[in-house]
N, C-alpha and C. Protein backbone atom coordinates (compact mmCIF):
# COMPACT_ATOMS: atom_id res chain seq x y z
N MET A 1 78.66 -8.57 -37.26
CA MET A 1 76.97 -8.48 -36.51
C MET A 1 76.73 -9.91 -35.69
N ARG A 2 76.20 -9.85 -34.44
CA ARG A 2 75.77 -11.12 -34.30
C ARG A 2 74.45 -11.27 -34.35
N PRO A 3 73.90 -12.44 -34.74
CA PRO A 3 72.51 -13.36 -35.29
C PRO A 3 71.35 -12.66 -34.24
N LEU A 4 70.35 -12.47 -34.71
CA LEU A 4 69.38 -12.08 -33.73
C LEU A 4 69.12 -13.72 -32.82
N LYS A 5 68.53 -13.01 -31.47
CA LYS A 5 68.06 -14.56 -30.76
C LYS A 5 66.79 -14.63 -31.27
N GLU A 6 66.63 -16.04 -31.32
CA GLU A 6 65.40 -16.32 -31.68
C GLU A 6 64.65 -16.45 -30.70
N ILE A 7 63.20 -15.72 -30.52
CA ILE A 7 62.22 -15.65 -28.98
C ILE A 7 61.09 -16.71 -29.20
N PRO A 8 61.43 -17.83 -28.54
CA PRO A 8 60.35 -18.80 -28.79
C PRO A 8 58.89 -18.21 -28.63
N GLN A 9 57.94 -18.18 -29.56
CA GLN A 9 56.45 -17.86 -29.51
C GLN A 9 55.81 -19.30 -28.42
N PRO A 10 55.04 -18.53 -27.99
CA PRO A 10 53.93 -19.46 -27.40
C PRO A 10 53.10 -20.02 -27.89
N GLU A 11 53.04 -21.72 -27.92
CA GLU A 11 51.71 -22.56 -29.01
C GLU A 11 50.32 -22.42 -28.53
N ALA A 12 50.19 -22.32 -29.36
CA ALA A 12 48.00 -22.62 -29.05
C ALA A 12 48.29 -23.84 -28.62
N PRO A 13 47.43 -24.13 -27.43
CA PRO A 13 47.09 -25.19 -26.79
C PRO A 13 46.42 -25.66 -27.95
N SER A 14 46.25 -27.36 -28.24
CA SER A 14 45.41 -27.81 -29.15
C SER A 14 44.50 -28.83 -27.64
N ALA A 15 43.45 -29.40 -28.35
CA ALA A 15 42.44 -29.63 -28.03
C ALA A 15 42.61 -30.92 -26.64
N ASP A 16 44.06 -31.32 -26.86
CA ASP A 16 44.40 -32.21 -25.92
C ASP A 16 45.38 -31.62 -24.62
N GLU A 17 45.53 -30.22 -25.06
CA GLU A 17 46.90 -30.04 -23.76
C GLU A 17 46.21 -28.69 -23.60
N GLY A 18 46.83 -27.86 -22.82
CA GLY A 18 46.40 -26.66 -22.20
C GLY A 18 45.35 -26.70 -21.59
N LEU A 19 43.87 -26.04 -21.88
CA LEU A 19 42.64 -25.87 -21.14
C LEU A 19 41.89 -28.10 -21.23
N GLY A 20 42.49 -28.61 -21.89
CA GLY A 20 41.69 -30.01 -21.88
C GLY A 20 40.47 -30.09 -21.66
N GLN A 21 40.18 -31.47 -22.25
CA GLN A 21 38.61 -31.40 -22.40
C GLN A 21 37.64 -31.37 -21.28
N ASP A 22 38.25 -31.52 -19.97
CA ASP A 22 37.40 -31.46 -18.98
C ASP A 22 37.29 -29.79 -18.65
N ALA A 23 38.20 -29.10 -19.04
CA ALA A 23 38.27 -28.01 -18.77
C ALA A 23 36.84 -27.27 -19.57
N SER A 24 37.20 -27.79 -21.24
CA SER A 24 36.31 -27.21 -21.81
C SER A 24 34.91 -27.51 -21.36
N ILE A 25 34.38 -28.84 -20.65
CA ILE A 25 33.21 -28.94 -20.83
C ILE A 25 32.75 -28.32 -19.53
N GLU A 26 34.07 -28.00 -18.01
CA GLU A 26 33.32 -27.33 -17.29
C GLU A 26 33.50 -25.79 -17.56
N ALA A 27 33.74 -25.68 -18.54
CA ALA A 27 33.32 -23.61 -18.89
C ALA A 27 32.10 -23.93 -19.61
N GLY A 28 31.83 -24.94 -20.02
CA GLY A 28 30.42 -25.16 -20.76
C GLY A 28 29.48 -24.98 -19.61
N GLU A 29 29.88 -25.74 -18.90
CA GLU A 29 28.97 -25.97 -17.45
C GLU A 29 28.44 -24.65 -17.17
N ASP A 30 29.49 -24.04 -16.32
CA ASP A 30 29.53 -22.48 -16.14
C ASP A 30 28.41 -21.59 -17.04
N ALA A 31 28.68 -21.39 -18.39
CA ALA A 31 27.89 -20.77 -19.61
C ALA A 31 26.80 -21.03 -19.10
N SER A 32 26.42 -22.66 -19.13
CA SER A 32 24.88 -22.80 -18.76
C SER A 32 24.34 -22.74 -17.71
N SER A 33 24.95 -22.68 -16.52
CA SER A 33 24.29 -22.60 -15.18
C SER A 33 23.98 -20.88 -14.93
N SER A 34 25.11 -20.63 -15.54
CA SER A 34 24.71 -18.55 -15.44
C SER A 34 23.92 -18.36 -16.07
N SER A 35 23.34 -18.98 -17.39
CA SER A 35 22.45 -18.63 -18.35
C SER A 35 20.94 -19.35 -17.28
N SER A 36 20.95 -20.25 -16.52
CA SER A 36 19.58 -20.63 -15.79
C SER A 36 19.72 -19.72 -14.67
N GLN A 37 20.67 -18.94 -14.11
CA GLN A 37 19.98 -17.60 -13.18
C GLN A 37 19.70 -16.42 -13.58
N PRO A 38 18.84 -15.81 -13.01
CA PRO A 38 18.29 -14.58 -14.08
C PRO A 38 19.36 -13.40 -13.99
N SER A 39 19.28 -12.41 -15.06
CA SER A 39 20.39 -11.82 -15.03
C SER A 39 20.21 -10.92 -14.02
N LYS A 40 20.94 -9.68 -13.66
CA LYS A 40 21.06 -8.66 -12.62
C LYS A 40 20.17 -7.72 -13.36
N THR A 41 19.72 -7.64 -14.58
CA THR A 41 18.82 -6.34 -15.24
C THR A 41 17.30 -7.12 -14.63
N ARG A 42 17.38 -8.20 -15.05
CA ARG A 42 16.06 -9.03 -14.35
C ARG A 42 15.73 -9.27 -12.88
N ARG A 43 16.62 -9.53 -12.14
CA ARG A 43 16.74 -9.39 -10.48
C ARG A 43 16.16 -7.78 -10.13
N LYS A 44 17.23 -7.17 -10.54
CA LYS A 44 16.39 -5.57 -10.51
C LYS A 44 14.98 -5.26 -10.78
N ALA A 45 14.67 -5.76 -11.70
CA ALA A 45 13.08 -5.53 -12.29
C ALA A 45 11.98 -6.24 -11.45
N GLN A 46 12.64 -7.73 -10.89
CA GLN A 46 11.94 -8.18 -10.12
C GLN A 46 11.78 -7.41 -8.60
N MET A 47 13.02 -6.83 -8.28
CA MET A 47 13.18 -6.57 -6.74
C MET A 47 12.11 -4.98 -7.06
N HIS A 48 11.99 -4.58 -7.76
CA HIS A 48 11.33 -3.26 -8.24
C HIS A 48 9.97 -3.54 -7.99
N ALA A 49 9.30 -4.59 -9.13
CA ALA A 49 8.33 -5.02 -8.72
C ALA A 49 7.84 -5.19 -7.56
N LEU A 50 8.67 -6.09 -6.30
CA LEU A 50 8.34 -6.33 -4.97
C LEU A 50 8.39 -4.86 -3.99
N GLN A 51 9.20 -3.86 -4.37
CA GLN A 51 8.77 -2.82 -3.71
C GLN A 51 7.82 -2.01 -4.28
N ASP A 52 6.98 -1.79 -5.46
CA ASP A 52 5.65 -1.24 -6.02
C ASP A 52 4.68 -2.03 -5.76
N LEU A 53 4.87 -3.80 -4.95
CA LEU A 53 3.83 -3.76 -4.68
C LEU A 53 3.80 -3.73 -3.13
N GLY A 54 4.98 -3.45 -2.43
CA GLY A 54 4.91 -2.82 -1.17
C GLY A 54 4.30 -1.29 -1.21
N GLU A 55 4.61 -0.64 -2.04
CA GLU A 55 3.87 0.47 -2.12
C GLU A 55 2.27 0.72 -1.90
N ALA A 56 1.92 -0.72 -3.02
CA ALA A 56 0.60 -1.03 -3.01
C ALA A 56 -0.25 -1.21 -1.32
N LEU A 57 0.91 -2.06 -0.60
CA LEU A 57 -0.01 -2.26 0.75
C LEU A 57 0.17 -1.25 1.67
N VAL A 58 1.23 -0.28 1.17
CA VAL A 58 0.99 0.93 2.38
C VAL A 58 -0.15 1.71 1.86
N SER A 59 -0.84 1.95 0.49
CA SER A 59 -1.66 3.04 0.50
C SER A 59 -3.01 1.92 0.71
N LEU A 60 -2.94 0.77 1.18
CA LEU A 60 -4.17 0.12 1.54
C LEU A 60 -4.66 0.54 2.72
N ALA A 61 -6.35 0.56 2.84
CA ALA A 61 -6.43 0.72 4.15
C ALA A 61 -5.87 -0.03 5.06
N PRO A 62 -6.19 0.16 6.48
CA PRO A 62 -5.88 -0.87 7.52
C PRO A 62 -6.69 -2.08 7.67
N GLU A 63 -7.83 -1.64 7.26
CA GLU A 63 -8.58 -3.07 7.22
C GLU A 63 -8.57 -4.18 6.51
N LYS A 64 -8.01 -3.45 5.36
CA LYS A 64 -7.97 -4.48 4.42
C LYS A 64 -6.68 -5.02 4.61
N MET A 65 -5.62 -4.51 5.14
CA MET A 65 -4.41 -4.85 5.12
C MET A 65 -4.41 -5.83 6.13
N ARG A 66 -5.17 -5.97 7.04
CA ARG A 66 -5.29 -6.79 7.97
C ARG A 66 -6.41 -7.87 7.84
N THR A 67 -6.96 -8.26 6.64
CA THR A 67 -7.63 -9.69 5.77
C THR A 67 -6.21 -10.08 4.98
N LEU A 68 -4.96 -9.71 5.15
CA LEU A 68 -3.70 -10.35 4.18
C LEU A 68 -3.03 -11.08 5.19
N ASP A 69 -2.73 -11.80 4.83
CA ASP A 69 -1.81 -12.83 5.64
C ASP A 69 -0.53 -12.51 5.88
N LEU A 70 0.14 -11.48 6.35
CA LEU A 70 1.27 -10.92 5.88
C LEU A 70 2.35 -11.18 7.00
N PRO A 71 3.24 -11.62 6.78
CA PRO A 71 4.43 -11.98 8.16
C PRO A 71 4.19 -10.80 9.20
N GLU A 72 4.43 -10.74 10.29
CA GLU A 72 4.68 -9.72 11.45
C GLU A 72 5.73 -8.75 10.88
N ARG A 73 6.68 -8.87 10.45
CA ARG A 73 7.56 -8.33 10.61
C ARG A 73 6.97 -7.16 9.07
N LEU A 74 6.70 -7.59 8.06
CA LEU A 74 6.54 -7.15 7.00
C LEU A 74 5.11 -5.90 7.36
N ALA A 75 4.00 -6.82 8.16
CA ALA A 75 2.55 -5.55 8.55
C ALA A 75 3.18 -4.62 9.31
N ASP A 76 4.57 -4.83 10.35
CA ASP A 76 4.40 -3.40 11.23
C ASP A 76 5.36 -2.92 10.38
N ALA A 77 6.18 -3.09 9.47
CA ALA A 77 7.31 -2.15 8.46
C ALA A 77 6.07 -1.40 7.38
N VAL A 78 4.99 -2.20 6.87
CA VAL A 78 4.15 -1.32 6.10
C VAL A 78 3.30 -0.33 6.63
N THR A 79 2.98 -0.63 8.20
CA THR A 79 2.59 0.14 9.09
C THR A 79 3.11 1.31 9.33
N GLU A 80 4.96 0.88 9.94
CA GLU A 80 5.57 2.02 9.63
C GLU A 80 5.47 3.37 8.79
N ALA A 81 6.04 2.77 7.58
CA ALA A 81 6.01 3.29 6.68
C ALA A 81 4.80 4.31 6.19
N ARG A 82 3.92 4.62 6.54
CA ARG A 82 2.68 5.15 6.45
C ARG A 82 2.65 6.65 7.52
N SER A 83 3.39 6.30 8.17
CA SER A 83 3.51 7.31 9.32
C SER A 83 4.93 8.17 8.93
N ILE A 84 5.71 7.77 8.08
CA ILE A 84 6.90 8.32 7.75
C ILE A 84 6.60 9.31 6.71
N THR A 85 6.96 10.60 6.73
CA THR A 85 6.67 11.79 5.75
C THR A 85 8.15 12.31 5.04
N LYS A 86 9.24 12.06 5.61
CA LYS A 86 10.55 12.56 5.07
C LYS A 86 10.76 11.38 3.68
N TRP A 87 11.14 12.09 2.91
CA TRP A 87 10.97 11.23 1.16
C TRP A 87 12.03 10.13 1.37
N GLU A 88 13.39 10.72 2.14
CA GLU A 88 14.73 9.77 1.99
C GLU A 88 14.14 8.61 3.03
N ALA A 89 13.73 9.00 4.16
CA ALA A 89 13.14 8.15 4.99
C ALA A 89 12.36 6.80 4.61
N ARG A 90 11.55 7.90 3.30
CA ARG A 90 10.81 6.71 3.11
C ARG A 90 11.26 5.71 2.06
N ARG A 91 11.85 6.11 1.40
CA ARG A 91 12.57 5.38 0.27
C ARG A 91 13.34 4.38 0.77
N ARG A 92 13.91 4.92 2.04
CA ARG A 92 14.48 3.56 2.24
C ARG A 92 13.93 2.70 2.59
N GLN A 93 12.63 3.55 3.39
CA GLN A 93 11.60 2.05 4.29
C GLN A 93 11.12 1.29 3.34
N MET A 94 10.93 1.86 2.05
CA MET A 94 10.16 1.51 0.96
C MET A 94 11.18 0.10 0.47
N GLN A 95 12.32 0.55 0.35
CA GLN A 95 13.50 -0.83 0.10
C GLN A 95 13.16 -1.35 0.96
N TYR A 96 13.32 -1.30 2.26
CA TYR A 96 13.36 -2.55 3.55
C TYR A 96 11.88 -3.33 3.18
N ILE A 97 10.98 -2.60 2.46
CA ILE A 97 9.56 -3.57 2.66
C ILE A 97 9.99 -4.43 1.36
N GLY A 98 10.36 -3.74 0.14
CA GLY A 98 10.67 -4.49 -0.90
C GLY A 98 11.71 -6.01 -0.31
N ARG A 99 12.52 -5.68 0.57
CA ARG A 99 13.62 -6.76 0.79
C ARG A 99 12.82 -7.74 1.71
N LEU A 100 11.72 -7.12 2.57
CA LEU A 100 11.00 -7.96 3.20
C LEU A 100 10.02 -8.65 2.03
N MET A 101 9.40 -8.21 1.31
CA MET A 101 8.69 -9.45 0.28
C MET A 101 9.52 -10.22 -0.04
N ARG A 102 10.94 -10.25 -0.51
CA ARG A 102 11.42 -11.42 -1.19
C ARG A 102 11.15 -12.92 -0.43
N ASP A 103 10.66 -12.59 0.59
CA ASP A 103 10.39 -13.96 1.74
C ASP A 103 8.58 -14.20 1.53
N VAL A 104 8.06 -13.75 0.83
CA VAL A 104 6.39 -13.51 0.59
C VAL A 104 6.15 -14.22 -0.68
N ASP A 105 5.44 -14.73 -1.06
CA ASP A 105 4.88 -15.22 -2.11
C ASP A 105 4.04 -14.08 -2.73
N PRO A 106 4.48 -13.75 -3.40
CA PRO A 106 3.67 -12.06 -4.10
C PRO A 106 2.77 -12.26 -4.89
N GLY A 107 2.12 -14.12 -5.47
CA GLY A 107 1.10 -14.24 -6.33
C GLY A 107 -0.30 -14.33 -5.52
N PRO A 108 0.05 -14.73 -4.84
CA PRO A 108 -2.04 -14.65 -3.87
C PRO A 108 -2.33 -12.71 -3.62
N LEU A 109 -1.06 -12.45 -3.25
CA LEU A 109 -1.27 -10.72 -2.71
C LEU A 109 -1.67 -9.89 -4.00
N ARG A 110 -1.15 -10.14 -5.24
CA ARG A 110 -1.32 -9.72 -6.44
C ARG A 110 -2.85 -9.73 -7.03
N GLU A 111 -3.15 -11.07 -6.24
CA GLU A 111 -4.52 -11.46 -7.10
C GLU A 111 -5.78 -10.69 -6.06
N GLN A 112 -5.16 -10.53 -4.91
CA GLN A 112 -6.41 -10.07 -3.85
C GLN A 112 -6.12 -8.31 -4.43
N LEU A 113 -5.18 -7.66 -4.64
CA LEU A 113 -4.99 -6.38 -4.82
C LEU A 113 -5.69 -6.29 -6.43
N ALA A 114 -5.94 -7.22 -7.09
CA ALA A 114 -6.35 -6.99 -8.46
C ALA A 114 -8.05 -7.24 -8.60
N ARG A 115 -8.65 -8.17 -7.23
CA ARG A 115 -9.59 -8.27 -6.66
C ARG A 115 -10.13 -7.40 -6.59
N TRP A 116 -9.17 -6.34 -5.32
CA TRP A 116 -10.38 -5.51 -4.68
C TRP A 116 -10.26 -4.20 -5.55
N ALA A 117 -8.94 -4.12 -6.91
CA ALA A 117 -9.66 -2.94 -7.80
C ALA A 117 -10.10 -3.08 -8.58
N GLU A 118 -10.85 -4.63 -9.01
CA GLU A 118 -12.23 -4.55 -10.09
C GLU A 118 -13.21 -4.77 -9.42
N GLY A 119 -13.54 -4.84 -7.66
CA GLY A 119 -14.84 -4.36 -7.43
C GLY A 119 -15.49 -3.54 -8.01
N PRO A 120 -15.08 -1.85 -7.66
CA PRO A 120 -15.68 -0.88 -8.01
C PRO A 120 -15.88 -1.00 -9.30
N GLN A 121 -14.98 -1.55 -10.10
CA GLN A 121 -15.19 -1.08 -11.71
C GLN A 121 -16.28 -2.23 -12.57
N ALA A 122 -16.40 -3.34 -11.48
CA ALA A 122 -17.34 -4.06 -11.86
C ALA A 122 -18.91 -3.87 -11.77
N GLU A 123 -18.60 -2.92 -10.16
CA GLU A 123 -20.07 -2.67 -9.74
C GLU A 123 -20.78 -1.23 -10.77
N ARG A 124 -19.52 -0.76 -11.21
CA ARG A 124 -20.14 0.42 -12.10
C ARG A 124 -20.27 0.15 -13.23
N ALA A 125 -19.69 -1.13 -14.29
CA ALA A 125 -20.42 -1.44 -15.33
C ALA A 125 -21.69 -2.47 -15.03
N HIS A 126 -21.83 -3.01 -14.23
CA HIS A 126 -23.27 -3.04 -13.87
C HIS A 126 -24.18 -2.20 -13.70
N LEU A 127 -24.11 -0.77 -13.36
CA LEU A 127 -25.15 0.26 -13.05
C LEU A 127 -24.94 0.70 -14.12
N HIS A 128 -23.89 0.83 -15.16
CA HIS A 128 -24.18 1.42 -16.75
C HIS A 128 -24.81 0.50 -17.39
N ARG A 129 -24.64 -1.01 -17.36
CA ARG A 129 -25.58 -1.89 -18.16
C ARG A 129 -27.23 -1.87 -17.67
N ILE A 130 -27.56 -1.66 -16.55
CA ILE A 130 -28.91 -1.24 -16.43
C ILE A 130 -29.12 0.03 -16.92
N GLU A 131 -28.29 1.04 -16.92
CA GLU A 131 -28.69 2.39 -17.02
C GLU A 131 -29.30 2.32 -18.56
N ARG A 132 -28.23 1.46 -18.90
CA ARG A 132 -28.50 1.65 -21.15
C ARG A 132 -29.55 0.41 -21.23
N TRP A 133 -30.13 -0.10 -20.29
CA TRP A 133 -31.61 -1.41 -20.48
C TRP A 133 -32.38 -0.26 -20.13
N ARG A 134 -32.45 0.98 -19.47
CA ARG A 134 -33.69 1.57 -18.78
C ARG A 134 -33.53 2.97 -20.08
N THR A 135 -32.62 2.85 -20.52
CA THR A 135 -32.77 3.97 -21.83
C THR A 135 -33.27 3.30 -22.37
N ARG A 136 -32.65 1.87 -23.22
CA ARG A 136 -33.48 1.47 -24.48
C ARG A 136 -34.84 1.05 -24.20
N LEU A 137 -35.15 0.74 -22.86
CA LEU A 137 -36.78 0.24 -22.71
C LEU A 137 -37.35 1.43 -22.92
N LEU A 138 -37.05 3.08 -22.43
CA LEU A 138 -37.58 3.72 -22.97
C LEU A 138 -37.61 4.62 -24.38
N SER A 139 -36.78 4.29 -24.74
CA SER A 139 -36.44 4.93 -26.53
C SER A 139 -37.26 3.48 -27.43
N GLU A 140 -36.68 2.65 -27.33
CA GLU A 140 -36.89 1.90 -28.58
C GLU A 140 -38.06 0.66 -28.15
N ALA A 141 -39.05 0.63 -29.21
CA ALA A 141 -40.30 -0.28 -29.39
C ALA A 141 -39.41 -1.82 -28.71
N ASN A 142 -38.78 -2.40 -29.32
CA ASN A 142 -38.25 -4.12 -28.97
C ASN A 142 -37.61 -4.07 -28.04
N ALA A 143 -37.15 -3.15 -27.06
CA ALA A 143 -36.60 -3.16 -26.12
C ALA A 143 -36.87 -4.20 -24.72
N LEU A 144 -38.15 -4.25 -24.82
CA LEU A 144 -39.11 -4.87 -23.91
C LEU A 144 -38.81 -6.49 -24.37
N ASP A 145 -39.13 -6.70 -25.40
CA ASP A 145 -39.17 -8.18 -25.99
C ASP A 145 -37.58 -8.56 -25.85
N GLU A 146 -36.58 -8.16 -26.28
CA GLU A 146 -35.09 -8.28 -26.20
C GLU A 146 -35.05 -8.42 -24.48
N LEU A 147 -35.43 -7.87 -23.37
CA LEU A 147 -35.25 -7.77 -22.43
C LEU A 147 -35.47 -9.03 -21.58
N CYS A 148 -37.01 -9.61 -22.04
CA CYS A 148 -37.77 -10.37 -21.33
C CYS A 148 -37.34 -12.16 -22.29
N GLY A 149 -36.23 -11.94 -23.35
CA GLY A 149 -35.88 -13.26 -24.22
C GLY A 149 -34.62 -12.97 -23.04
N GLN A 150 -33.53 -11.87 -22.85
CA GLN A 150 -32.63 -12.25 -21.99
C GLN A 150 -32.73 -12.80 -20.57
N PHE A 151 -33.59 -11.86 -20.07
CA PHE A 151 -34.12 -12.61 -18.84
C PHE A 151 -35.26 -12.74 -18.24
N PRO A 152 -35.41 -14.12 -18.25
CA PRO A 152 -36.84 -14.87 -18.36
C PRO A 152 -37.21 -14.36 -16.74
N THR A 153 -36.71 -13.76 -15.80
CA THR A 153 -37.20 -13.80 -14.46
C THR A 153 -37.87 -12.41 -14.37
N VAL A 154 -37.78 -11.34 -15.94
CA VAL A 154 -38.24 -9.95 -15.88
C VAL A 154 -39.97 -9.94 -15.53
N ASP A 155 -40.69 -9.76 -14.83
CA ASP A 155 -42.22 -9.72 -15.34
C ASP A 155 -42.32 -8.61 -15.83
N ARG A 156 -42.62 -9.04 -17.43
CA ARG A 156 -43.27 -7.94 -18.64
C ARG A 156 -43.97 -7.31 -18.39
N SER A 157 -45.07 -7.47 -17.78
CA SER A 157 -46.36 -6.28 -17.35
C SER A 157 -45.82 -5.30 -16.10
N HIS A 158 -45.13 -5.83 -15.65
CA HIS A 158 -44.70 -4.58 -14.42
C HIS A 158 -43.68 -4.06 -15.02
N VAL A 159 -42.91 -4.06 -15.76
CA VAL A 159 -41.63 -3.36 -16.74
C VAL A 159 -42.53 -2.67 -17.55
N ALA A 160 -43.48 -2.90 -18.14
CA ALA A 160 -44.11 -2.22 -19.24
C ALA A 160 -44.83 -1.10 -18.57
N ALA A 161 -45.47 -1.15 -17.41
CA ALA A 161 -46.21 -0.40 -17.05
C ALA A 161 -45.65 0.87 -15.82
N LEU A 162 -44.19 0.37 -15.76
CA LEU A 162 -43.11 1.30 -15.44
C LEU A 162 -42.62 2.17 -16.34
N VAL A 163 -42.38 1.51 -17.47
CA VAL A 163 -42.01 2.67 -18.52
C VAL A 163 -43.09 3.10 -19.09
N GLN A 164 -44.45 2.77 -18.92
CA GLN A 164 -45.38 3.93 -19.21
C GLN A 164 -45.45 4.94 -18.09
N ARG A 165 -45.20 4.98 -17.07
CA ARG A 165 -45.39 5.74 -15.91
C ARG A 165 -44.04 6.39 -16.06
N THR A 166 -43.06 6.39 -16.33
CA THR A 166 -41.92 7.06 -16.56
C THR A 166 -41.71 8.18 -17.69
N ARG A 167 -42.67 7.76 -18.87
CA ARG A 167 -42.64 8.07 -19.92
C ARG A 167 -43.99 9.47 -19.68
N HIS A 168 -44.64 9.11 -18.97
CA HIS A 168 -45.70 10.04 -18.78
C HIS A 168 -45.09 11.11 -18.09
N GLU A 169 -44.08 10.72 -16.65
CA GLU A 169 -43.69 11.43 -15.52
C GLU A 169 -42.63 12.68 -16.31
N SER A 170 -42.05 12.22 -17.48
CA SER A 170 -41.23 12.96 -17.99
C SER A 170 -41.60 13.71 -19.31
N ALA A 171 -43.04 13.24 -19.66
CA ALA A 171 -43.39 14.23 -20.61
C ALA A 171 -44.30 15.70 -19.58
N HIS A 172 -44.54 15.20 -18.54
CA HIS A 172 -45.65 15.95 -17.71
C HIS A 172 -44.30 17.16 -16.81
N GLY A 173 -42.99 16.51 -16.67
CA GLY A 173 -42.25 17.22 -15.82
C GLY A 173 -42.41 16.66 -14.07
N GLY A 174 -42.78 15.88 -14.09
CA GLY A 174 -42.89 15.36 -12.49
C GLY A 174 -41.66 14.64 -11.90
N PRO A 175 -41.64 14.47 -11.11
CA PRO A 175 -40.61 14.18 -10.38
C PRO A 175 -40.24 12.63 -10.77
N PRO A 176 -39.14 12.26 -10.87
CA PRO A 176 -38.91 10.72 -11.50
C PRO A 176 -39.11 9.52 -11.16
N ARG A 177 -40.08 9.37 -10.21
CA ARG A 177 -40.31 8.02 -9.09
C ARG A 177 -40.17 7.39 -9.91
N ALA A 178 -40.93 6.90 -11.00
CA ALA A 178 -41.45 5.52 -11.84
C ALA A 178 -39.97 5.26 -12.53
N SER A 179 -39.09 6.35 -13.10
CA SER A 179 -37.97 6.15 -13.22
C SER A 179 -36.82 5.37 -12.23
N ARG A 180 -37.11 5.64 -11.02
CA ARG A 180 -36.11 5.34 -10.17
C ARG A 180 -36.41 3.90 -9.95
N GLU A 181 -37.97 3.75 -9.91
CA GLU A 181 -38.53 2.31 -9.72
C GLU A 181 -37.62 1.14 -10.46
N LEU A 182 -38.14 1.60 -11.41
CA LEU A 182 -37.42 0.96 -13.04
C LEU A 182 -36.21 0.42 -12.56
N PHE A 183 -35.59 2.02 -12.48
CA PHE A 183 -33.83 1.21 -12.28
C PHE A 183 -33.86 0.17 -11.14
N ARG A 184 -34.27 0.30 -10.24
CA ARG A 184 -34.50 -0.13 -9.19
C ARG A 184 -34.80 -2.01 -9.22
N TYR A 185 -35.67 -2.21 -10.09
CA TYR A 185 -36.26 -3.39 -10.25
C TYR A 185 -35.45 -4.28 -11.54
N LEU A 186 -34.89 -3.22 -12.44
CA LEU A 186 -34.17 -3.84 -13.41
C LEU A 186 -32.70 -4.07 -12.58
N ASN A 187 -32.01 -3.30 -11.24
CA ASN A 187 -31.29 -3.80 -10.62
C ASN A 187 -31.01 -5.19 -9.87
N ALA A 188 -32.20 -5.03 -9.36
CA ALA A 188 -32.97 -6.61 -8.52
C ALA A 188 -32.61 -7.69 -9.64
N ARG A 189 -33.39 -7.61 -11.16
CA ARG A 189 -33.22 -8.78 -11.43
C ARG A 189 -32.34 -9.19 -12.53
N LEU A 190 -31.54 -7.74 -12.61
CA LEU A 190 -30.07 -8.33 -13.39
C LEU A 190 -28.83 -8.42 -12.55
N ALA A 191 -29.09 -8.32 -11.13
CA ALA A 191 -27.80 -8.19 -10.42
C ALA A 191 -27.48 -9.69 -10.39
N ALA A 192 -27.96 -10.61 -10.93
CA ALA A 192 -27.53 -11.77 -10.34
C ALA A 192 -27.22 -12.41 -11.78
N THR A 193 -27.54 -11.99 -12.92
CA THR A 193 -27.02 -12.48 -14.03
C THR A 193 -25.79 -11.72 -14.67
N PRO A 194 -24.49 -12.41 -15.24
CA PRO A 194 -23.63 -11.88 -16.15
C PRO A 194 -24.29 -11.20 -17.36
N SER A 195 -22.94 -10.13 -17.17
CA SER A 195 -22.92 -8.99 -18.20
C SER A 195 -22.80 -9.67 -19.63
């Protein structure tokens, strides 16, 4: 019988051999530099966010769109997207708008869109606040004192007369002229003050 030939086993490289110290440091640098770049998932999410911002631009009224300082190519792409009705063509156009949005700082655009969205909500909240005050003035005895305490510009005697006339109108089934006048007066006085 013949003796088996020994097959040499590859040796594991030591710290000084094989990759070497320089290679291990470079490998560490690659790992840290790749972590400073956003992951593919994060980049994709950012692109979708830009595309959603582009969707918001497309849905804007043309007058508001003109007030934004957009690059010409982006403004043209948004205008063109409004006229596209086919689903696939619109999807491609929205992707194109998303790609153009990469060259634009989205922060100011988002802030302006948020301000436009808040405008009607703030006005609605203000009108609700006035309506609550009018209701309180008609139903609570101390509401006039609280109103005058919070808003010193309110004419106490004028508001008291309007409240009295409004109660009289509602008791006798007359048209709500005094109630409307009270609302307008409160609107004028409370408009300048924050809620």
